[in-house]
N, C-alpha and C. Protein backbone atom coordinates (compact mmCIF):
# COMPACT_ATOMS: atom_id res chain seq x y z
N MET A 1 -57.69 -0.54 7.54
CA MET A 1 -56.63 -1.06 7.16
C MET A 1 -55.71 -0.27 6.86
N ASN A 2 -55.39 1.12 6.44
CA ASN A 2 -55.10 2.40 6.43
C ASN A 2 -54.14 2.71 7.56
N ARG A 3 -54.29 2.36 8.43
CA ARG A 3 -53.59 2.56 9.89
C ARG A 3 -52.71 1.58 10.05
N ILE A 4 -52.97 0.11 9.32
CA ILE A 4 -52.13 -1.01 9.69
C ILE A 4 -51.13 -1.05 8.70
N THR A 5 -51.63 -0.33 7.51
CA THR A 5 -50.43 -0.13 6.12
C THR A 5 -49.79 0.83 6.68
N SER A 6 -49.88 1.79 7.61
CA SER A 6 -49.21 2.81 7.72
C SER A 6 -48.42 2.62 8.84
N ARG A 7 -49.18 1.69 9.94
CA ARG A 7 -47.71 1.33 10.51
C ARG A 7 -46.94 0.24 9.79
N ILE A 8 -47.22 -0.38 8.94
CA ILE A 8 -46.21 -1.36 8.28
C ILE A 8 -44.94 -0.77 7.32
N ALA A 9 -45.98 0.47 6.97
CA ALA A 9 -44.47 1.40 5.88
C ALA A 9 -43.85 1.98 6.73
N SER A 10 -44.57 2.16 8.16
CA SER A 10 -43.10 3.06 9.08
C SER A 10 -42.21 2.76 9.67
N SER A 11 -42.98 1.14 10.19
CA SER A 11 -41.92 0.06 10.59
C SER A 11 -40.72 -0.16 9.48
N THR A 12 -40.96 -0.72 8.38
CA THR A 12 -40.12 -0.72 7.56
C THR A 12 -39.03 0.41 6.80
N LEU A 13 -39.77 1.22 6.66
CA LEU A 13 -39.27 2.56 6.73
C LEU A 13 -37.49 2.36 7.98
N ALA A 14 -38.20 2.52 8.57
CA ALA A 14 -37.71 2.30 10.02
C ALA A 14 -36.26 1.53 9.83
N ALA A 15 -36.82 0.34 9.34
CA ALA A 15 -36.40 -0.98 9.68
C ALA A 15 -34.80 -0.46 8.42
N VAL A 16 -35.30 -0.05 7.20
CA VAL A 16 -34.35 0.27 6.20
C VAL A 16 -33.14 1.50 6.38
N VAL A 17 -33.76 2.53 7.48
CA VAL A 17 -32.71 3.86 7.11
C VAL A 17 -31.72 3.17 8.44
N GLY A 18 -32.13 2.39 9.49
CA GLY A 18 -31.44 1.94 10.42
C GLY A 18 -30.09 0.58 9.67
N VAL A 19 -30.30 -0.31 8.84
CA VAL A 19 -29.68 -0.87 8.49
C VAL A 19 -28.82 0.07 7.39
N THR A 20 -29.07 0.56 6.97
CA THR A 20 -28.83 1.80 5.66
C THR A 20 -27.52 2.34 6.55
N ALA A 21 -27.97 3.28 7.44
CA ALA A 21 -26.42 3.50 8.90
C ALA A 21 -25.74 2.34 9.07
N LEU A 22 -25.61 1.03 9.55
CA LEU A 22 -25.33 0.58 9.94
C LEU A 22 -23.88 0.30 9.02
N LEU A 23 -24.54 -0.13 7.71
CA LEU A 23 -24.17 -0.09 6.85
C LEU A 23 -22.66 0.80 6.67
N LEU A 24 -23.52 2.09 6.59
CA LEU A 24 -22.62 3.32 6.19
C LEU A 24 -21.48 3.45 6.86
N ALA A 25 -22.11 3.13 8.48
CA ALA A 25 -20.84 3.53 9.28
C ALA A 25 -19.30 2.46 9.58
N THR A 26 -20.05 1.35 9.57
CA THR A 26 -18.93 -0.10 9.35
C THR A 26 -18.04 0.17 8.11
N GLY A 27 -18.86 0.56 6.66
CA GLY A 27 -18.06 0.61 5.52
C GLY A 27 -16.47 1.17 5.71
N CYS A 28 -16.19 2.65 6.34
CA CYS A 28 -15.09 3.41 6.20
C CYS A 28 -14.03 2.65 7.51
N ALA A 29 -14.48 1.67 8.47
CA ALA A 29 -14.07 1.35 9.44
C ALA A 29 -12.60 0.58 8.63
N VAL A 30 -11.33 0.26 9.68
CA VAL A 30 -10.34 -0.71 8.79
C VAL A 30 -10.11 -1.32 9.58
N THR A 31 -10.48 -2.92 8.69
CA THR A 31 -10.23 -3.87 9.98
C THR A 31 -8.66 -4.45 10.40
N ARG A 32 -8.23 -5.60 10.77
CA ARG A 32 -7.35 -5.33 11.54
C ARG A 32 -6.16 -6.21 10.38
N GLY A 33 -4.91 -5.98 10.13
CA GLY A 33 -4.24 -6.51 8.96
C GLY A 33 -4.67 -5.34 7.54
N GLN A 34 -5.80 -4.69 7.66
CA GLN A 34 -5.37 -3.92 6.79
C GLN A 34 -5.30 -2.10 6.69
N GLU A 35 -4.73 -1.63 5.83
CA GLU A 35 -4.21 -0.60 6.34
C GLU A 35 -5.28 0.74 5.44
N PRO A 36 -5.22 1.88 6.29
CA PRO A 36 -6.14 3.19 5.43
C PRO A 36 -5.59 3.11 3.45
N LEU A 37 -6.11 3.93 3.21
CA LEU A 37 -5.82 4.11 1.72
C LEU A 37 -4.59 5.25 1.86
N GLY A 38 -5.06 6.37 2.73
CA GLY A 38 -3.53 6.96 2.49
C GLY A 38 -2.02 6.45 2.32
N VAL A 39 -1.88 5.09 3.48
CA VAL A 39 -0.80 4.55 3.90
C VAL A 39 -0.40 3.98 2.16
N TYR A 40 -1.64 3.01 1.60
CA TYR A 40 -1.22 2.66 0.48
C TYR A 40 -0.70 2.84 -0.26
N ILE A 41 -1.59 4.29 -0.97
CA ILE A 41 -0.77 5.15 -1.82
C ILE A 41 0.29 5.76 -1.39
N ASP A 42 0.74 6.09 -0.05
CA ASP A 42 1.60 6.25 0.17
C ASP A 42 2.76 5.47 0.14
N ASP A 43 2.97 4.40 0.00
CA ASP A 43 3.48 2.92 0.04
C ASP A 43 3.94 3.13 -2.12
N SER A 44 2.84 3.15 -2.39
CA SER A 44 2.44 2.79 -3.85
C SER A 44 3.56 3.73 -4.13
N ALA A 45 3.85 5.08 -4.20
CA ALA A 45 4.52 6.61 -4.39
C ALA A 45 6.26 5.72 -4.21
N ILE A 46 6.10 5.48 -3.05
CA ILE A 46 7.60 5.30 -2.64
C ILE A 46 8.24 4.22 -3.08
N THR A 47 7.62 2.59 -3.53
CA THR A 47 7.81 2.42 -4.70
C THR A 47 7.91 2.68 -5.89
N THR A 48 6.97 2.88 -6.36
CA THR A 48 7.84 3.63 -7.84
C THR A 48 8.41 4.86 -7.74
N ALA A 49 8.51 5.62 -6.47
CA ALA A 49 9.69 6.52 -7.00
C ALA A 49 11.28 5.55 -6.86
N VAL A 50 11.41 4.38 -6.11
CA VAL A 50 12.61 4.17 -6.27
C VAL A 50 12.84 3.19 -7.29
N LYS A 51 11.85 2.71 -7.73
CA LYS A 51 11.84 1.74 -9.24
C LYS A 51 12.40 3.24 -10.23
N ALA A 52 11.79 4.48 -10.15
CA ALA A 52 12.42 5.69 -11.26
C ALA A 52 13.63 5.49 -11.00
N ARG A 53 14.20 5.95 -9.77
CA ARG A 53 15.63 6.43 -9.67
C ARG A 53 16.63 4.86 -9.98
N PHE A 54 15.50 4.06 -9.72
CA PHE A 54 17.01 2.29 -10.26
C PHE A 54 17.16 3.14 -12.20
N VAL A 55 16.14 3.11 -12.78
CA VAL A 55 15.91 3.57 -14.33
C VAL A 55 16.88 4.37 -14.45
N ASP A 56 16.58 5.19 -13.79
CA ASP A 56 17.70 6.57 -14.36
C ASP A 56 18.88 6.23 -13.85
N ASN A 57 19.36 5.21 -12.78
CA ASN A 57 20.97 4.86 -12.37
C ASN A 57 21.78 4.16 -13.31
N PRO A 58 22.75 4.21 -14.05
CA PRO A 58 23.12 3.57 -14.97
C PRO A 58 23.98 2.29 -14.40
N ASP A 59 24.27 2.19 -13.05
CA ASP A 59 24.55 0.97 -12.07
C ASP A 59 23.62 0.33 -11.46
N VAL A 60 22.53 0.45 -11.84
CA VAL A 60 21.36 -0.42 -11.14
C VAL A 60 21.18 -1.08 -12.28
N ASP A 61 20.54 -2.17 -12.44
CA ASP A 61 19.87 -3.13 -13.30
C ASP A 61 18.69 -2.97 -13.22
N ALA A 62 17.69 -1.90 -13.43
CA ALA A 62 15.67 -2.28 -12.30
C ALA A 62 15.72 -2.88 -13.00
N SER A 63 15.52 -3.84 -13.81
CA SER A 63 14.83 -4.80 -14.31
C SER A 63 15.31 -5.99 -13.39
N ALA A 64 16.11 -6.36 -12.98
CA ALA A 64 16.82 -7.35 -11.82
C ALA A 64 16.62 -7.09 -10.29
N ILE A 65 15.67 -6.46 -10.59
CA ILE A 65 15.76 -5.96 -8.56
C ILE A 65 14.12 -5.20 -8.61
N SER A 66 13.61 -6.19 -7.46
CA SER A 66 12.23 -5.91 -7.35
C SER A 66 12.42 -5.06 -5.93
N VAL A 67 11.49 -4.16 -5.79
CA VAL A 67 10.91 -3.50 -4.74
C VAL A 67 9.74 -3.33 -3.87
N GLU A 68 9.44 -3.61 -3.03
CA GLU A 68 8.16 -3.79 -2.32
C GLU A 68 8.04 -2.75 -1.30
N THR A 69 6.98 -2.27 -0.87
CA THR A 69 6.97 -1.80 0.32
C THR A 69 5.79 -1.42 1.11
N MET A 70 6.14 -1.51 2.56
CA MET A 70 4.49 -1.64 3.29
C MET A 70 5.40 -0.70 4.59
N LYS A 71 4.46 0.24 4.76
CA LYS A 71 4.24 1.04 6.18
C LYS A 71 5.47 2.03 5.89
N GLY A 72 6.03 1.79 4.92
CA GLY A 72 7.09 2.80 4.77
C GLY A 72 8.28 2.23 4.41
N THR A 73 8.31 0.71 4.72
CA THR A 73 9.61 -0.44 4.66
C THR A 73 9.78 -0.81 3.20
N VAL A 74 11.20 -0.69 2.85
CA VAL A 74 11.40 -1.13 1.32
C VAL A 74 11.80 -2.38 1.54
N MET A 75 11.44 -3.29 0.80
CA MET A 75 11.75 -4.47 0.79
C MET A 75 12.72 -4.83 -0.61
N LEU A 76 13.77 -4.90 -1.19
CA LEU A 76 15.08 -4.91 -2.39
C LEU A 76 15.39 -6.34 -2.28
N SER A 77 15.00 -7.28 -3.55
CA SER A 77 15.49 -8.32 -3.38
C SER A 77 15.58 -8.56 -5.16
N GLY A 78 15.87 -9.84 -4.97
CA GLY A 78 16.49 -10.19 -6.93
C GLY A 78 18.15 -10.03 -6.70
N PHE A 79 18.51 -9.96 -8.22
CA PHE A 79 19.82 -10.01 -8.28
C PHE A 79 20.67 -9.11 -8.55
N ALA A 80 21.99 -8.70 -8.20
CA ALA A 80 23.14 -7.26 -8.51
C ALA A 80 24.05 -8.28 -8.79
N LYS A 81 24.52 -7.93 -10.30
CA LYS A 81 26.56 -8.13 -10.36
C LYS A 81 27.30 -8.13 -9.87
N SER A 82 27.37 -7.27 -8.81
CA SER A 82 28.04 -6.60 -8.08
C SER A 82 27.89 -6.24 -6.68
N GLN A 83 28.63 -5.91 -5.62
CA GLN A 83 28.24 -5.29 -4.73
C GLN A 83 27.96 -3.77 -4.88
N LYS A 84 28.46 -3.73 -5.65
CA LYS A 84 28.54 -1.94 -5.53
C LYS A 84 27.31 -1.93 -6.28
N GLU A 85 26.84 -2.84 -6.79
CA GLU A 85 25.53 -2.81 -7.26
C GLU A 85 24.11 -2.86 -6.01
N LYS A 86 24.34 -3.30 -5.57
CA LYS A 86 23.31 -3.94 -4.41
C LYS A 86 23.90 -2.82 -3.15
N ASP A 87 24.77 -2.07 -3.09
CA ASP A 87 24.85 -0.60 -2.24
C ASP A 87 24.45 0.16 -2.74
N THR A 88 24.51 0.64 -3.94
CA THR A 88 24.02 1.79 -4.85
C THR A 88 22.16 1.91 -4.52
N ALA A 89 21.75 0.25 -5.15
CA ALA A 89 20.15 0.50 -4.90
C ALA A 89 20.02 0.82 -3.76
N GLN A 90 20.70 0.50 -2.15
CA GLN A 90 20.24 0.81 -1.06
C GLN A 90 20.35 1.82 -0.85
N THR A 91 21.52 2.76 -1.80
CA THR A 91 21.48 3.94 -1.28
C THR A 91 20.35 4.98 -1.71
N LEU A 92 20.60 4.43 -2.82
CA LEU A 92 18.94 5.54 -3.92
C LEU A 92 18.02 5.09 -3.23
N THR A 93 17.94 3.60 -2.50
CA THR A 93 16.33 3.65 -1.80
C THR A 93 16.05 4.82 -0.81
N TRP A 94 17.16 4.62 0.19
CA TRP A 94 16.95 5.92 1.36
C TRP A 94 17.21 6.90 1.02
N LYS A 95 17.32 7.93 -0.26
CA LYS A 95 17.07 9.16 -0.46
C LYS A 95 15.66 9.12 -0.80
N ILE A 96 14.80 7.98 -0.80
CA ILE A 96 13.16 9.02 -1.14
C ILE A 96 12.99 9.11 -0.17
N ASN A 97 11.64 10.23 -0.44
CA ASN A 97 11.25 10.51 1.04
C ASN A 97 10.56 10.17 1.37
N GLY A 98 9.43 9.36 2.99
CA GLY A 98 9.07 8.13 3.42
C GLY A 98 9.61 7.12 3.73
N VAL A 99 10.69 6.85 3.21
CA VAL A 99 11.54 5.75 3.89
C VAL A 99 11.90 5.89 4.91
N LYS A 100 11.21 4.69 5.72
CA LYS A 100 11.36 4.53 7.22
C LYS A 100 12.58 3.22 7.35
N ALA A 101 12.44 2.22 6.68
CA ALA A 101 13.27 1.22 7.07
C ALA A 101 13.89 0.71 5.00
N VAL A 102 15.05 -0.24 5.41
CA VAL A 102 15.46 -0.96 3.69
C VAL A 102 15.59 -2.09 3.99
N LYS A 103 15.31 -2.85 3.63
CA LYS A 103 15.96 -4.21 4.19
C LYS A 103 15.92 -4.49 2.21
N ASN A 104 17.65 -5.30 2.39
CA ASN A 104 18.09 -5.09 1.10
C ASN A 104 18.43 -6.57 1.16
N GLU A 105 17.71 -7.48 0.19
CA GLU A 105 17.90 -8.77 0.34
C GLU A 105 18.40 -9.27 -0.97
N ILE A 106 19.11 -8.37 -2.00
CA ILE A 106 19.41 -8.24 -3.27
C ILE A 106 20.36 -9.66 -2.90
N ALA A 107 20.86 -10.55 -3.60
CA ALA A 107 22.04 -11.12 -4.04
C ALA A 107 22.95 -10.88 -4.85
N VAL A 108 23.82 -11.20 -4.84
CA VAL A 108 25.22 -10.60 -5.53
C VAL A 108 25.37 -12.02 -6.47
N ARG A 109 24.82 -12.02 -7.86
CA ARG A 109 25.48 -13.15 -9.16
C ARG A 109 26.95 -12.92 -9.11
N PRO A 110 27.74 -14.07 -9.11
CA PRO A 110 29.24 -13.85 -9.78
C PRO A 110 28.83 -14.05 -10.94
């Protein structure tokens, strides 16, 4: 009976080790449509920096403009009181490190 118990324990241990290795190996993989953590952090840092520039600039109403960043492309949306405010928001966005493109969808409200 010791031999059978020993064999079962050995087989069970081998199976557990194998499953654990598979789970650990695939746990770090990036699936299609997801970004690695570093890209997400960089995009968040860009968004935060753009919003901070808007808050610091008296010509831009930071509360009226939304900022989203994906893979270095910044999307600006919301409302501006003038074309100058819309243009200023875009110019400030381009000054942030890591910005690869700017899509300015801000609507000018008369």
